[in-house]
Amino acid sequence: MGMQTATLGGGCFWCLEAAFQGLDGVGSVVSGYAGGAGERPTYQQVCTGTTGHAEVVEIGFDDTRIDFETLLEVFFTIHDPTTLNRQGADVGSQYRSVIFYHSDAQREIAERVIARLNAEGVWPDPIVTQVQPAPTFYPAEAYHQDYYRRNPGQGYCQVVISPKLAKLRAHHALLLAK
């Protein structure tokens, strides 16, 4: 099939962007906003939690090298899908766990992965990740793009993102681009 698109939200988009950028088969990762009211929201507007948009990443991936289910395995490794509208200290609907599917096949895969993870009892609480049709995606401002690579020494990157990347390397080393 070739190039596909995945749109995922699981807390701060800087964390997701940094994790997915390192995977073999991922061609692009763009931080942005989706799932709310109003067109072309700004970071300041989304941060208020009143627009309904989630911080998301839009991932361009080659499904002959990495499939959607594998992307979801990584997604569920690097965030807590059991906390409603929060990830750690980041609280608000803009940080919700959400999979915006681009096809019926993606929807079916997402529902199957969530059901399996719930059945396996990976987390003590049930997964609250929303599975919804992909709405319009709005790229975030330029200063949000490639954030971790440009600011690895910044406090949030050191305290929040670096541990997530270590967990990604520990659980999915074989998926990392060489």
N, C-alpha and C. Protein backbone atom coordinates (compact mmCIF):
# COMPACT_ATOMS: atom_id res chain seq x y z
N MET A 1 0.83 -1.20 0.00
CA MET A 1 0.00 0.00 0.00
C MET A 1 0.87 1.25 0.00
N GLY A 2 1.90 1.29 0.84
CA GLY A 2 2.78 2.44 0.82
C GLY A 2 2.48 3.43 1.93
N MET A 3 2.53 4.71 1.58
CA MET A 3 2.41 5.74 2.60
C MET A 3 0.98 5.87 3.14
N GLN A 4 0.90 5.89 4.46
CA GLN A 4 -0.37 6.02 5.17
C GLN A 4 -0.25 7.15 6.18
N THR A 5 -1.37 7.54 6.77
CA THR A 5 -1.39 8.58 7.79
C THR A 5 -2.02 8.04 9.06
N ALA A 6 -1.42 8.37 10.19
CA ALA A 6 -1.99 8.07 11.51
C ALA A 6 -2.06 9.38 12.27
N THR A 7 -3.13 9.61 13.03
CA THR A 7 -3.27 10.80 13.85
C THR A 7 -3.57 10.35 15.27
N LEU A 8 -2.64 10.66 16.19
CA LEU A 8 -2.72 10.16 17.55
C LEU A 8 -2.52 11.29 18.57
N GLY A 9 -3.28 11.22 19.66
CA GLY A 9 -3.12 12.17 20.76
C GLY A 9 -2.95 11.42 22.06
N GLY A 10 -1.94 11.78 22.82
CA GLY A 10 -1.69 11.11 24.09
C GLY A 10 -0.85 11.98 25.00
N GLY A 11 -1.39 13.14 25.35
CA GLY A 11 -0.64 14.09 26.17
C GLY A 11 0.02 15.12 25.30
N CYS A 12 1.14 15.63 25.76
CA CYS A 12 1.87 16.67 25.05
C CYS A 12 2.38 16.17 23.71
N PHE A 13 2.14 16.91 22.64
CA PHE A 13 2.58 16.44 21.33
C PHE A 13 4.10 16.39 21.19
N TRP A 14 4.84 17.13 22.01
CA TRP A 14 6.30 17.05 21.94
C TRP A 14 6.78 15.64 22.26
N CYS A 15 6.12 14.98 23.22
CA CYS A 15 6.50 13.62 23.62
C CYS A 15 6.25 12.63 22.49
N LEU A 16 5.07 12.71 21.91
CA LEU A 16 4.71 11.79 20.84
C LEU A 16 5.61 12.01 19.63
N GLU A 17 5.83 13.27 19.28
CA GLU A 17 6.67 13.59 18.12
C GLU A 17 8.06 12.97 18.28
N ALA A 18 8.67 13.17 19.44
CA ALA A 18 10.02 12.67 19.68
C ALA A 18 10.08 11.16 19.57
N ALA A 19 9.08 10.47 20.08
CA ALA A 19 9.06 9.01 20.04
C ALA A 19 8.89 8.49 18.62
N PHE A 20 7.92 9.01 17.89
CA PHE A 20 7.64 8.47 16.56
C PHE A 20 8.68 8.86 15.53
N GLN A 21 9.38 9.99 15.73
CA GLN A 21 10.41 10.39 14.78
C GLN A 21 11.52 9.36 14.66
N GLY A 22 11.76 8.60 15.70
CA GLY A 22 12.88 7.66 15.69
C GLY A 22 12.59 6.30 15.11
N LEU A 23 11.35 6.07 14.67
CA LEU A 23 10.97 4.74 14.21
C LEU A 23 11.25 4.52 12.73
N ASP A 24 11.77 3.35 12.43
CA ASP A 24 12.00 2.96 11.04
C ASP A 24 10.65 2.86 10.33
N GLY A 25 10.54 3.46 9.16
CA GLY A 25 9.30 3.44 8.39
C GLY A 25 8.44 4.67 8.57
N VAL A 26 8.78 5.51 9.56
CA VAL A 26 8.06 6.77 9.76
C VAL A 26 8.76 7.84 8.95
N GLY A 27 8.02 8.44 8.01
CA GLY A 27 8.62 9.44 7.14
C GLY A 27 8.47 10.86 7.66
N SER A 28 7.37 11.12 8.37
CA SER A 28 7.15 12.47 8.87
C SER A 28 6.31 12.42 10.14
N VAL A 29 6.55 13.37 11.02
CA VAL A 29 5.74 13.55 12.21
C VAL A 29 5.53 15.05 12.38
N VAL A 30 4.26 15.46 12.37
CA VAL A 30 3.92 16.87 12.51
C VAL A 30 3.05 17.04 13.74
N SER A 31 3.46 17.94 14.63
CA SER A 31 2.65 18.26 15.80
C SER A 31 1.53 19.20 15.40
N GLY A 32 0.36 19.01 16.02
CA GLY A 32 -0.76 19.88 15.67
C GLY A 32 -1.96 19.66 16.56
N TYR A 33 -3.10 20.09 16.05
CA TYR A 33 -4.34 20.07 16.82
C TYR A 33 -5.45 19.44 15.97
N ALA A 34 -6.35 18.70 16.63
CA ALA A 34 -7.48 18.09 15.92
C ALA A 34 -8.59 17.79 16.91
N GLY A 35 -9.80 17.72 16.39
CA GLY A 35 -10.91 17.23 17.18
C GLY A 35 -11.72 18.27 17.93
N GLY A 36 -11.55 19.54 17.60
CA GLY A 36 -12.29 20.57 18.32
C GLY A 36 -13.08 21.47 17.39
N ALA A 37 -13.60 22.54 17.97
CA ALA A 37 -14.39 23.51 17.21
C ALA A 37 -13.50 24.68 16.79
N GLY A 38 -13.79 25.23 15.66
CA GLY A 38 -13.04 26.38 15.17
C GLY A 38 -11.90 25.95 14.27
N GLU A 39 -11.57 26.82 13.32
CA GLU A 39 -10.51 26.53 12.36
C GLU A 39 -9.22 27.21 12.78
N ARG A 40 -8.10 26.55 12.45
CA ARG A 40 -6.77 27.07 12.69
C ARG A 40 -6.57 27.58 14.13
N PRO A 41 -6.78 26.72 15.10
CA PRO A 41 -6.59 27.14 16.49
C PRO A 41 -5.12 27.44 16.78
N THR A 42 -4.88 28.31 17.72
CA THR A 42 -3.52 28.61 18.16
C THR A 42 -3.21 27.81 19.42
N TYR A 43 -1.95 27.71 19.74
CA TYR A 43 -1.53 27.01 20.95
C TYR A 43 -2.18 27.64 22.17
N GLN A 44 -2.21 28.96 22.21
CA GLN A 44 -2.82 29.65 23.34
C GLN A 44 -4.29 29.30 23.49
N GLN A 45 -5.01 29.20 22.37
CA GLN A 45 -6.43 28.83 22.42
C GLN A 45 -6.61 27.39 22.88
N VAL A 46 -5.81 26.48 22.34
CA VAL A 46 -5.94 25.07 22.70
C VAL A 46 -5.60 24.86 24.17
N CYS A 47 -4.61 25.60 24.67
CA CYS A 47 -4.19 25.46 26.08
C CYS A 47 -5.29 25.83 27.06
N THR A 48 -6.26 26.62 26.63
CA THR A 48 -7.35 26.97 27.54
C THR A 48 -8.27 25.79 27.80
N GLY A 49 -8.21 24.77 26.91
CA GLY A 49 -9.07 23.60 27.05
C GLY A 49 -10.50 23.85 26.59
N THR A 50 -10.77 25.03 26.04
CA THR A 50 -12.14 25.37 25.67
C THR A 50 -12.46 25.11 24.19
N THR A 51 -11.44 24.85 23.35
CA THR A 51 -11.71 24.66 21.92
C THR A 51 -12.12 23.22 21.61
N GLY A 52 -11.79 22.30 22.51
CA GLY A 52 -12.08 20.89 22.27
C GLY A 52 -11.02 20.18 21.45
N HIS A 53 -10.02 20.92 20.95
CA HIS A 53 -8.94 20.29 20.19
C HIS A 53 -8.02 19.52 21.13
N ALA A 54 -7.46 18.45 20.61
CA ALA A 54 -6.43 17.70 21.32
C ALA A 54 -5.08 18.02 20.68
N GLU A 55 -4.02 17.98 21.51
CA GLU A 55 -2.68 18.03 20.95
C GLU A 55 -2.43 16.65 20.34
N VAL A 56 -2.09 16.62 19.06
CA VAL A 56 -1.90 15.35 18.35
C VAL A 56 -0.65 15.41 17.48
N VAL A 57 -0.27 14.26 16.99
CA VAL A 57 0.74 14.20 15.94
C VAL A 57 0.13 13.51 14.74
N GLU A 58 0.46 14.03 13.58
CA GLU A 58 0.08 13.38 12.33
C GLU A 58 1.33 12.70 11.79
N ILE A 59 1.24 11.38 11.68
CA ILE A 59 2.39 10.56 11.33
C ILE A 59 2.22 10.05 9.91
N GLY A 60 3.21 10.31 9.08
CA GLY A 60 3.25 9.71 7.74
C GLY A 60 4.14 8.49 7.82
N PHE A 61 3.59 7.31 7.50
CA PHE A 61 4.37 6.08 7.65
C PHE A 61 4.20 5.18 6.44
N ASP A 62 5.24 4.40 6.18
CA ASP A 62 5.24 3.43 5.08
C ASP A 62 4.80 2.09 5.66
N ASP A 63 3.58 1.69 5.35
CA ASP A 63 3.04 0.47 5.97
C ASP A 63 3.69 -0.81 5.44
N THR A 64 4.61 -0.70 4.50
CA THR A 64 5.39 -1.88 4.12
C THR A 64 6.58 -2.05 5.06
N ARG A 65 6.87 -1.02 5.87
CA ARG A 65 7.99 -1.08 6.82
C ARG A 65 7.53 -1.06 8.28
N ILE A 66 6.43 -0.39 8.57
CA ILE A 66 5.86 -0.37 9.92
C ILE A 66 4.35 -0.25 9.76
N ASP A 67 3.60 -1.12 10.39
CA ASP A 67 2.16 -1.08 10.20
C ASP A 67 1.46 -0.29 11.31
N PHE A 68 0.19 -0.02 11.11
CA PHE A 68 -0.59 0.80 12.04
C PHE A 68 -0.65 0.15 13.42
N GLU A 69 -0.81 -1.16 13.46
CA GLU A 69 -0.87 -1.85 14.75
C GLU A 69 0.42 -1.66 15.54
N THR A 70 1.56 -1.71 14.86
CA THR A 70 2.84 -1.49 15.53
C THR A 70 2.94 -0.07 16.05
N LEU A 71 2.46 0.91 15.27
CA LEU A 71 2.44 2.29 15.75
C LEU A 71 1.62 2.38 17.04
N LEU A 72 0.49 1.68 17.08
CA LEU A 72 -0.34 1.71 18.28
C LEU A 72 0.35 1.04 19.46
N GLU A 73 1.11 -0.02 19.21
CA GLU A 73 1.86 -0.67 20.30
C GLU A 73 2.82 0.34 20.92
N VAL A 74 3.49 1.13 20.09
CA VAL A 74 4.40 2.17 20.59
C VAL A 74 3.59 3.23 21.33
N PHE A 75 2.50 3.67 20.74
CA PHE A 75 1.63 4.69 21.33
C PHE A 75 1.21 4.30 22.75
N PHE A 76 0.80 3.05 22.92
CA PHE A 76 0.34 2.60 24.24
C PHE A 76 1.50 2.35 25.21
N THR A 77 2.72 2.26 24.71
CA THR A 77 3.89 2.13 25.57
C THR A 77 4.30 3.48 26.16
N ILE A 78 4.14 4.55 25.38
CA ILE A 78 4.72 5.83 25.79
C ILE A 78 3.74 6.78 26.46
N HIS A 79 2.50 6.37 26.70
CA HIS A 79 1.60 7.22 27.47
C HIS A 79 0.66 6.34 28.29
N ASP A 80 -0.02 6.95 29.25
CA ASP A 80 -0.97 6.23 30.09
C ASP A 80 -2.37 6.43 29.52
N PRO A 81 -2.93 5.39 28.88
CA PRO A 81 -4.24 5.52 28.24
C PRO A 81 -5.41 5.36 29.20
N THR A 82 -5.14 5.31 30.50
CA THR A 82 -6.22 5.10 31.48
C THR A 82 -6.61 6.36 32.23
N THR A 83 -5.91 7.46 31.98
CA THR A 83 -6.23 8.70 32.69
C THR A 83 -7.01 9.61 31.75
N LEU A 84 -8.20 9.99 32.16
CA LEU A 84 -9.07 10.79 31.31
C LEU A 84 -8.59 12.24 31.30
N ASN A 85 -8.31 12.75 30.11
CA ASN A 85 -7.95 14.16 29.93
C ASN A 85 -6.72 14.59 30.73
N ARG A 86 -5.75 13.69 30.84
CA ARG A 86 -4.50 14.09 31.48
C ARG A 86 -3.39 13.11 31.16
N GLN A 87 -2.16 13.63 31.20
CA GLN A 87 -0.95 12.82 31.19
C GLN A 87 -0.02 13.45 32.20
N GLY A 88 0.18 12.77 33.30
CA GLY A 88 1.05 13.32 34.34
C GLY A 88 0.52 14.65 34.83
N ALA A 89 1.39 15.66 34.79
CA ALA A 89 1.01 17.00 35.25
C ALA A 89 0.22 17.78 34.21
N ASP A 90 0.16 17.27 32.98
CA ASP A 90 -0.58 17.95 31.90
C ASP A 90 -2.05 17.55 32.01
N VAL A 91 -2.90 18.51 32.38
CA VAL A 91 -4.31 18.22 32.63
C VAL A 91 -5.19 19.07 31.72
N GLY A 92 -6.21 18.46 31.12
CA GLY A 92 -7.16 19.15 30.27
C GLY A 92 -7.52 18.27 29.09
N SER A 93 -8.65 18.57 28.46
CA SER A 93 -9.12 17.74 27.34
C SER A 93 -8.14 17.76 26.16
N GLN A 94 -7.31 18.80 26.10
CA GLN A 94 -6.32 18.86 25.01
C GLN A 94 -5.25 17.77 25.14
N TYR A 95 -5.18 17.12 26.31
CA TYR A 95 -4.19 16.06 26.54
C TYR A 95 -4.82 14.68 26.53
N ARG A 96 -6.07 14.58 26.02
CA ARG A 96 -6.76 13.29 26.05
C ARG A 96 -6.06 12.26 25.17
N SER A 97 -6.32 11.01 25.51
CA SER A 97 -5.81 9.90 24.72
C SER A 97 -6.83 9.62 23.62
N VAL A 98 -6.38 9.75 22.37
CA VAL A 98 -7.31 9.60 21.25
C VAL A 98 -6.60 9.05 20.02
N ILE A 99 -7.30 8.18 19.32
CA ILE A 99 -6.86 7.67 18.02
C ILE A 99 -7.87 8.18 17.01
N PHE A 100 -7.42 9.05 16.11
CA PHE A 100 -8.28 9.54 15.03
C PHE A 100 -7.99 8.66 13.81
N TYR A 101 -8.92 7.78 13.48
CA TYR A 101 -8.67 6.82 12.40
C TYR A 101 -8.98 7.42 11.02
N HIS A 102 -8.21 6.95 10.03
CA HIS A 102 -8.34 7.43 8.65
C HIS A 102 -9.02 6.41 7.74
N SER A 103 -9.39 5.25 8.28
CA SER A 103 -10.06 4.22 7.49
C SER A 103 -10.77 3.26 8.44
N ASP A 104 -11.69 2.49 7.89
CA ASP A 104 -12.35 1.46 8.70
C ASP A 104 -11.33 0.45 9.22
N ALA A 105 -10.31 0.16 8.41
CA ALA A 105 -9.29 -0.79 8.84
C ALA A 105 -8.55 -0.25 10.07
N GLN A 106 -8.21 1.04 10.08
CA GLN A 106 -7.55 1.62 11.25
C GLN A 106 -8.46 1.57 12.47
N ARG A 107 -9.75 1.85 12.28
CA ARG A 107 -10.70 1.79 13.39
C ARG A 107 -10.74 0.38 13.98
N GLU A 108 -10.83 -0.61 13.10
CA GLU A 108 -10.91 -2.00 13.56
C GLU A 108 -9.64 -2.41 14.30
N ILE A 109 -8.49 -2.01 13.79
CA ILE A 109 -7.22 -2.33 14.44
C ILE A 109 -7.16 -1.66 15.82
N ALA A 110 -7.54 -0.38 15.89
CA ALA A 110 -7.51 0.34 17.17
C ALA A 110 -8.41 -0.33 18.19
N GLU A 111 -9.62 -0.68 17.79
CA GLU A 111 -10.56 -1.33 18.72
C GLU A 111 -10.03 -2.69 19.18
N ARG A 112 -9.41 -3.43 18.26
CA ARG A 112 -8.87 -4.74 18.59
C ARG A 112 -7.69 -4.62 19.56
N VAL A 113 -6.79 -3.67 19.32
CA VAL A 113 -5.62 -3.48 20.20
C VAL A 113 -6.08 -3.07 21.60
N ILE A 114 -7.03 -2.15 21.68
CA ILE A 114 -7.54 -1.71 22.98
C ILE A 114 -8.19 -2.87 23.73
N ALA A 115 -9.00 -3.66 23.03
CA ALA A 115 -9.66 -4.81 23.66
C ALA A 115 -8.62 -5.81 24.17
N ARG A 116 -7.59 -6.05 23.37
CA ARG A 116 -6.55 -7.00 23.78
C ARG A 116 -5.79 -6.49 25.01
N LEU A 117 -5.41 -5.22 24.99
CA LEU A 117 -4.66 -4.66 26.13
C LEU A 117 -5.51 -4.66 27.40
N ASN A 118 -6.79 -4.33 27.26
CA ASN A 118 -7.69 -4.40 28.42
C ASN A 118 -7.78 -5.83 28.94
N ALA A 119 -7.94 -6.80 28.03
CA ALA A 119 -8.07 -8.20 28.43
C ALA A 119 -6.80 -8.71 29.10
N GLU A 120 -5.64 -8.23 28.64
CA GLU A 120 -4.37 -8.65 29.22
C GLU A 120 -4.12 -8.00 30.58
N GLY A 121 -4.91 -6.96 30.91
CA GLY A 121 -4.72 -6.30 32.20
C GLY A 121 -3.40 -5.57 32.31
N VAL A 122 -2.94 -5.01 31.19
CA VAL A 122 -1.67 -4.29 31.17
C VAL A 122 -1.67 -3.14 32.18
N TRP A 123 -2.82 -2.50 32.33
CA TRP A 123 -2.98 -1.43 33.31
C TRP A 123 -4.05 -1.86 34.31
N PRO A 124 -3.97 -1.38 35.54
CA PRO A 124 -4.98 -1.75 36.53
C PRO A 124 -6.35 -1.13 36.25
N ASP A 125 -6.37 -0.05 35.49
CA ASP A 125 -7.63 0.61 35.14
C ASP A 125 -7.91 0.43 33.66
N PRO A 126 -9.20 0.52 33.25
CA PRO A 126 -9.52 0.36 31.83
C PRO A 126 -8.98 1.51 30.97
N ILE A 127 -8.72 1.19 29.73
CA ILE A 127 -8.25 2.18 28.76
C ILE A 127 -9.41 3.11 28.40
N VAL A 128 -9.14 4.41 28.43
CA VAL A 128 -10.16 5.42 28.10
C VAL A 128 -9.89 6.10 26.76
N THR A 129 -8.95 5.58 26.01
CA THR A 129 -8.60 6.15 24.71
C THR A 129 -9.82 6.22 23.81
N GLN A 130 -10.07 7.39 23.25
CA GLN A 130 -11.18 7.56 22.31
C GLN A 130 -10.74 7.09 20.93
N VAL A 131 -11.66 6.50 20.18
CA VAL A 131 -11.41 6.10 18.80
C VAL A 131 -12.47 6.80 17.96
N GLN A 132 -12.01 7.76 17.15
CA GLN A 132 -12.93 8.64 16.41
C GLN A 132 -12.44 8.85 14.98
N PRO A 133 -13.37 9.17 14.06
CA PRO A 133 -12.94 9.47 12.70
C PRO A 133 -12.01 10.69 12.68
N ALA A 134 -11.03 10.66 11.79
CA ALA A 134 -10.07 11.75 11.70
C ALA A 134 -10.75 13.04 11.26
N PRO A 135 -10.65 14.08 12.08
CA PRO A 135 -11.18 15.39 11.70
C PRO A 135 -10.09 16.17 10.96
N THR A 136 -10.33 17.43 10.70
CA THR A 136 -9.32 18.28 10.09
C THR A 136 -8.14 18.40 11.05
N PHE A 137 -6.95 18.27 10.50
CA PHE A 137 -5.71 18.41 11.28
C PHE A 137 -5.14 19.79 10.99
N TYR A 138 -4.77 20.49 12.07
CA TYR A 138 -4.16 21.81 11.96
C TYR A 138 -2.74 21.75 12.51
N PRO A 139 -1.72 21.94 11.65
CA PRO A 139 -0.35 21.93 12.16
C PRO A 139 -0.16 23.01 13.23
N ALA A 140 0.62 22.66 14.24
CA ALA A 140 0.94 23.62 15.29
C ALA A 140 1.96 24.63 14.76
N GLU A 141 2.16 25.66 15.55
CA GLU A 141 3.11 26.71 15.20
C GLU A 141 4.51 26.12 15.01
N ALA A 142 5.32 26.80 14.20
CA ALA A 142 6.65 26.30 13.83
C ALA A 142 7.52 25.99 15.05
N TYR A 143 7.42 26.77 16.11
CA TYR A 143 8.29 26.53 17.27
C TYR A 143 7.96 25.23 18.01
N HIS A 144 6.82 24.60 17.71
CA HIS A 144 6.47 23.31 18.31
C HIS A 144 7.02 22.14 17.50
N GLN A 145 7.37 22.36 16.25
CA GLN A 145 7.82 21.27 15.39
C GLN A 145 9.26 20.89 15.73
N ASP A 146 9.51 19.58 15.76
CA ASP A 146 10.86 19.07 16.01
C ASP A 146 11.39 19.57 17.35
N TYR A 147 10.50 19.71 18.32
CA TYR A 147 10.82 20.40 19.57
C TYR A 147 11.93 19.71 20.37
N TYR A 148 11.81 18.42 20.58
CA TYR A 148 12.80 17.72 21.40
C TYR A 148 14.18 17.75 20.75
N ARG A 149 14.24 17.53 19.46
CA ARG A 149 15.54 17.54 18.76
C ARG A 149 16.21 18.91 18.86
N ARG A 150 15.42 19.96 18.88
CA ARG A 150 15.97 21.31 18.95
C ARG A 150 16.24 21.77 20.38
N ASN A 151 15.60 21.14 21.38
CA ASN A 151 15.69 21.59 22.77
C ASN A 151 15.93 20.45 23.76
N PRO A 152 16.90 19.56 23.50
CA PRO A 152 17.04 18.39 24.37
C PRO A 152 17.41 18.73 25.81
N GLY A 153 18.01 19.86 26.04
CA GLY A 153 18.41 20.23 27.39
C GLY A 153 17.35 20.99 28.17
N GLN A 154 16.26 21.33 27.52
CA GLN A 154 15.18 22.07 28.19
C GLN A 154 14.58 21.20 29.29
N GLY A 155 14.15 21.82 30.38
CA GLY A 155 13.68 21.09 31.56
C GLY A 155 12.61 20.06 31.28
N TYR A 156 11.54 20.44 30.57
CA TYR A 156 10.44 19.51 30.27
C TYR A 156 10.97 18.32 29.47
N CYS A 157 11.86 18.61 28.53
CA CYS A 157 12.42 17.53 27.71
C CYS A 157 13.20 16.55 28.56
N GLN A 158 14.00 17.06 29.51
CA GLN A 158 14.81 16.21 30.38
C GLN A 158 13.94 15.38 31.33
N VAL A 159 12.95 16.02 31.93
CA VAL A 159 12.16 15.38 32.98
C VAL A 159 11.05 14.49 32.44
N VAL A 160 10.42 14.90 31.34
CA VAL A 160 9.24 14.18 30.83
C VAL A 160 9.55 13.36 29.56
N ILE A 161 10.19 13.98 28.58
CA ILE A 161 10.36 13.30 27.29
C ILE A 161 11.48 12.27 27.32
N SER A 162 12.63 12.61 27.88
CA SER A 162 13.76 11.68 27.88
C SER A 162 13.41 10.33 28.52
N PRO A 163 12.70 10.29 29.66
CA PRO A 163 12.31 8.98 30.22
C PRO A 163 11.37 8.19 29.29
N LYS A 164 10.49 8.90 28.58
CA LYS A 164 9.60 8.20 27.64
C LYS A 164 10.41 7.58 26.50
N LEU A 165 11.43 8.30 26.04
CA LEU A 165 12.27 7.76 24.96
C LEU A 165 13.08 6.57 25.46
N ALA A 166 13.53 6.61 26.71
CA ALA A 166 14.24 5.47 27.29
C ALA A 166 13.32 4.25 27.35
N LYS A 167 12.08 4.45 27.73
CA LYS A 167 11.10 3.36 27.79
C LYS A 167 10.84 2.81 26.38
N LEU A 168 10.75 3.71 25.40
CA LEU A 168 10.56 3.29 24.01
C LEU A 168 11.74 2.42 23.57
N ARG A 169 12.96 2.86 23.85
CA ARG A 169 14.15 2.08 23.47
C ARG A 169 14.16 0.71 24.16
N ALA A 170 13.75 0.68 25.42
CA ALA A 170 13.75 -0.57 26.17
C ALA A 170 12.72 -1.57 25.64
N HIS A 171 11.56 -1.07 25.23
CA HIS A 171 10.47 -1.96 24.81
C HIS A 171 10.43 -2.22 23.31
N HIS A 172 10.96 -1.29 22.51
CA HIS A 172 10.80 -1.40 21.05
C HIS A 172 12.10 -1.12 20.30
N ALA A 173 13.22 -1.57 20.83
CA ALA A 173 14.53 -1.28 20.22
C ALA A 173 14.59 -1.70 18.76
N LEU A 174 13.95 -2.81 18.42
CA LEU A 174 14.04 -3.32 17.04
C LEU A 174 13.30 -2.43 16.04
N LEU A 175 12.43 -1.54 16.53
CA LEU A 175 11.67 -0.67 15.62
C LEU A 175 12.41 0.61 15.30
N LEU A 176 13.48 0.90 16.02
CA LEU A 176 14.18 2.17 15.85
C LEU A 176 14.96 2.20 14.54
N ALA A 177 14.95 3.36 13.90
CA ALA A 177 15.71 3.54 12.67
C ALA A 177 17.20 3.40 12.97
N LYS A 178 17.91 2.76 12.10
CA LYS A 178 19.36 2.54 12.32
C LYS A 178 20.14 3.76 11.97
